[in-house]
Amino acid sequence: MSDLELFLTVVVLGASVYTLTTLRRASRRLHYRDRSLFWRGAALLIAGVGAALACLTAALLTAAGPWVLYLGCLTAAVTAALAWWVDLEPGRVVQAVQSRRHPSR
């Protein structure tokens, strides 16, 4: 494993851990009845973490080349940025989920 591959691996793992801890912290700031709606809205971000970790696993288990690590790093970075944005106001995720469930509100 080259230095670049090691760096990209650390970035993917770090961004994934940051995303998950940020989402958990944001959900704790909400009222307990809104937390399930928050996690429904944050499912796309959790899927992004899963995709980044899948890219990392594919790069480590196969000889696919460094492009898989680049893709995983990009996915993890975008997901971490979106988690940071959600952490600024977690209530907007709940409002978006509620407006999709009840379009008349």
C-alpha atoms as a PDB file:
ATOM      1  CA  MET A   1       0.000   0.000   0.000  1.00  0.00           C
ATOM      2  CA  SER A   2       1.444   3.315  -1.033  1.00  0.00           C
ATOM      3  CA  ASP A   3       1.387   6.488   1.043  1.00  0.00           C
ATOM      4  CA  LEU A   4      -1.383   7.948  -1.106  1.00  0.00           C
ATOM      5  CA  GLU A   5      -3.576   4.884  -0.669  1.00  0.00           C
ATOM      6  CA  LEU A   6      -3.001   4.980   3.085  1.00  0.00           C
ATOM      7  CA  PHE A   7      -3.902   8.678   3.191  1.00  0.00           C
ATOM      8  CA  LEU A   8      -7.090   8.120   1.189  1.00  0.00           C
ATOM      9  CA  THR A   9      -8.039   5.219   3.459  1.00  0.00           C
ATOM     10  CA  VAL A  10      -7.598   7.391   6.546  1.00  0.00           C
ATOM     11  CA  VAL A  11      -9.650  10.179   4.938  1.00  0.00           C
ATOM     12  CA  VAL A  12     -12.512   7.802   4.098  1.00  0.00           C
ATOM     13  CA  LEU A  13     -12.540   6.322   7.595  1.00  0.00           C
ATOM     14  CA  GLY A  14     -12.263   9.720   9.275  1.00  0.00           C
ATOM     15  CA  ALA A  15     -15.029  11.292   7.214  1.00  0.00           C
ATOM     16  CA  SER A  16     -17.287   8.292   7.813  1.00  0.00           C
ATOM     17  CA  VAL A  17     -16.783   8.413  11.579  1.00  0.00           C
ATOM     18  CA  TYR A  18     -17.339  12.184  11.535  1.00  0.00           C
ATOM     19  CA  THR A  19     -20.590  11.772   9.600  1.00  0.00           C
ATOM     20  CA  LEU A  20     -22.005   9.139  11.916  1.00  0.00           C
ATOM     21  CA  THR A  21     -21.073  10.968  15.118  1.00  0.00           C
ATOM     22  CA  THR A  22     -22.383  14.276  13.769  1.00  0.00           C
ATOM     23  CA  LEU A  23     -25.718  12.734  12.817  1.00  0.00           C
ATOM     24  CA  ARG A  24     -26.008  11.057  16.211  1.00  0.00           C
ATOM     25  CA  ARG A  25     -25.259  14.331  17.982  1.00  0.00           C
ATOM     26  CA  ALA A  26     -27.773  16.191  15.804  1.00  0.00           C
ATOM     27  CA  SER A  27     -30.507  13.659  16.536  1.00  0.00           C
ATOM     28  CA  ARG A  28     -29.965  14.031  20.281  1.00  0.00           C
ATOM     29  CA  ARG A  29     -30.690  17.757  20.001  1.00  0.00           C
ATOM     30  CA  LEU A  30     -34.209  17.011  18.749  1.00  0.00           C
ATOM     31  CA  HIS A  31     -37.300  16.173  20.754  1.00  0.00           C
ATOM     32  CA  TYR A  32     -37.634  12.435  21.303  1.00  0.00           C
ATOM     33  CA  ARG A  33     -40.755  12.136  19.102  1.00  0.00           C
ATOM     34  CA  ASP A  34     -38.932  13.713  16.131  1.00  0.00           C
ATOM     35  CA  ARG A  35     -35.909  11.432  16.210  1.00  0.00           C
ATOM     36  CA  SER A  36     -37.447   8.670  14.092  1.00  0.00           C
ATOM     37  CA  LEU A  37     -38.371  11.223  11.430  1.00  0.00           C
ATOM     38  CA  PHE A  38     -34.836  12.588  11.554  1.00  0.00           C
ATOM     39  CA  TRP A  39     -33.327   9.159  10.949  1.00  0.00           C
ATOM     40  CA  ARG A  40     -35.695   8.586   8.016  1.00  0.00           C
ATOM     41  CA  GLY A  41     -34.476  11.830   6.500  1.00  0.00           C
ATOM     42  CA  ALA A  42     -30.841  11.045   7.233  1.00  0.00           C
ATOM     43  CA  ALA A  43     -31.046   7.622   5.570  1.00  0.00           C
ATOM     44  CA  LEU A  44     -29.480   9.007   2.384  1.00  0.00           C
ATOM     45  CA  LEU A  45     -26.447  10.196   4.338  1.00  0.00           C
ATOM     46  CA  ILE A  46     -26.102   6.822   6.019  1.00  0.00           C
ATOM     47  CA  ALA A  47     -26.273   5.212   2.580  1.00  0.00           C
ATOM     48  CA  GLY A  48     -23.462   7.565   1.506  1.00  0.00           C
ATOM     49  CA  VAL A  49     -21.325   6.319   4.386  1.00  0.00           C
ATOM     50  CA  GLY A  50     -22.113   2.758   3.341  1.00  0.00           C
ATOM     51  CA  ALA A  51     -21.121   3.514  -0.251  1.00  0.00           C
ATOM     52  CA  ALA A  52     -17.836   5.082   0.854  1.00  0.00           C
ATOM     53  CA  LEU A  53     -17.022   2.104   3.056  1.00  0.00           C
ATOM     54  CA  ALA A  54     -17.966  -0.261   0.217  1.00  0.00           C
ATOM     55  CA  CYS A  55     -15.512   1.550  -2.061  1.00  0.00           C
ATOM     56  CA  LEU A  56     -12.844   1.257   0.615  1.00  0.00           C
ATOM     57  CA  THR A  57     -13.527  -2.451   1.057  1.00  0.00           C
ATOM     58  CA  ALA A  58     -13.460  -3.038  -2.702  1.00  0.00           C
ATOM     59  CA  ALA A  59     -10.167  -1.195  -3.025  1.00  0.00           C
ATOM     60  CA  LEU A  60      -8.555  -3.149  -0.207  1.00  0.00           C
ATOM     61  CA  LEU A  61      -9.805  -6.593  -1.263  1.00  0.00           C
ATOM     62  CA  THR A  62      -9.266  -6.297  -5.005  1.00  0.00           C
ATOM     63  CA  ALA A  63      -6.651  -4.813  -7.264  1.00  0.00           C
ATOM     64  CA  ALA A  64      -9.133  -2.393  -8.805  1.00  0.00           C
ATOM     65  CA  GLY A  65      -6.704   0.507  -8.794  1.00  0.00           C
ATOM     66  CA  PRO A  66      -6.615   3.803  -6.966  1.00  0.00           C
ATOM     67  CA  TRP A  67      -9.707   5.223  -8.681  1.00  0.00           C
ATOM     68  CA  VAL A  68     -11.917   3.264  -6.270  1.00  0.00           C
ATOM     69  CA  LEU A  69     -10.234   4.985  -3.336  1.00  0.00           C
ATOM     70  CA  TYR A  70     -10.671   8.357  -5.035  1.00  0.00           C
ATOM     71  CA  LEU A  71     -14.374   7.633  -5.488  1.00  0.00           C
ATOM     72  CA  GLY A  72     -14.706   6.519  -1.863  1.00  0.00           C
ATOM     73  CA  CYS A  73     -12.883   9.624  -0.660  1.00  0.00           C
ATOM     74  CA  LEU A  74     -15.121  11.892  -2.742  1.00  0.00           C
ATOM     75  CA  THR A  75     -18.260  10.154  -1.485  1.00  0.00           C
ATOM     76  CA  ALA A  76     -17.118  10.335   2.129  1.00  0.00           C
ATOM     77  CA  ALA A  77     -16.175  14.016   1.850  1.00  0.00           C
ATOM     78  CA  VAL A  78     -19.509  15.009   0.293  1.00  0.00           C
ATOM     79  CA  THR A  79     -21.406  12.983   2.877  1.00  0.00           C
ATOM     80  CA  ALA A  80     -19.440  14.608   5.716  1.00  0.00           C
ATOM     81  CA  ALA A  81     -20.149  18.068   4.287  1.00  0.00           C
ATOM     82  CA  LEU A  82     -23.870  17.309   4.097  1.00  0.00           C
ATOM     83  CA  ALA A  83     -23.807  15.970   7.670  1.00  0.00           C
ATOM     84  CA  TRP A  84     -22.198  19.226   8.786  1.00  0.00           C
ATOM     85  CA  TRP A  85     -24.971  21.154   7.002  1.00  0.00           C
ATOM     86  CA  VAL A  86     -27.641  19.017   8.665  1.00  0.00           C
ATOM     87  CA  ASP A  87     -25.992  19.567  12.049  1.00  0.00           C
ATOM     88  CA  LEU A  88     -26.486  23.316  11.716  1.00  0.00           C
ATOM     89  CA  GLU A  89     -30.282  22.890  11.912  1.00  0.00           C
ATOM     90  CA  PRO A  90     -31.473  19.286  12.373  1.00  0.00           C
ATOM     91  CA  GLY A  91     -35.095  20.420  12.484  1.00  0.00           C
ATOM     92  CA  ARG A  92     -35.089  21.118   8.752  1.00  0.00           C
ATOM     93  CA  VAL A  93     -34.639  17.392   8.096  1.00  0.00           C
ATOM     94  CA  VAL A  94     -37.700  16.655  10.231  1.00  0.00           C
ATOM     95  CA  GLN A  95     -39.689  19.363   8.426  1.00  0.00           C
ATOM     96  CA  ALA A  96     -38.705  17.956   5.036  1.00  0.00           C
ATOM     97  CA  VAL A  97     -39.799  14.448   6.033  1.00  0.00           C
ATOM     98  CA  GLN A  98     -43.076  15.752   7.448  1.00  0.00           C
ATOM     99  CA  SER A  99     -43.811  17.755   4.299  1.00  0.00           C
ATOM    100  CA  ARG A 100     -43.253  14.629   2.175  1.00  0.00           C
ATOM    101  CA  ARG A 101     -45.597  12.628   4.389  1.00  0.00           C
ATOM    102  CA  HIS A 102     -48.308  15.298   4.538  1.00  0.00           C
ATOM    103  CA  PRO A 103     -48.156  17.524   1.439  1.00  0.00           C
ATOM    104  CA  SER A 104     -51.077  19.658   2.662  1.00  0.00           C
ATOM    105  CA  ARG A 105     -49.117  21.007   5.656  1.00  0.00           C
END
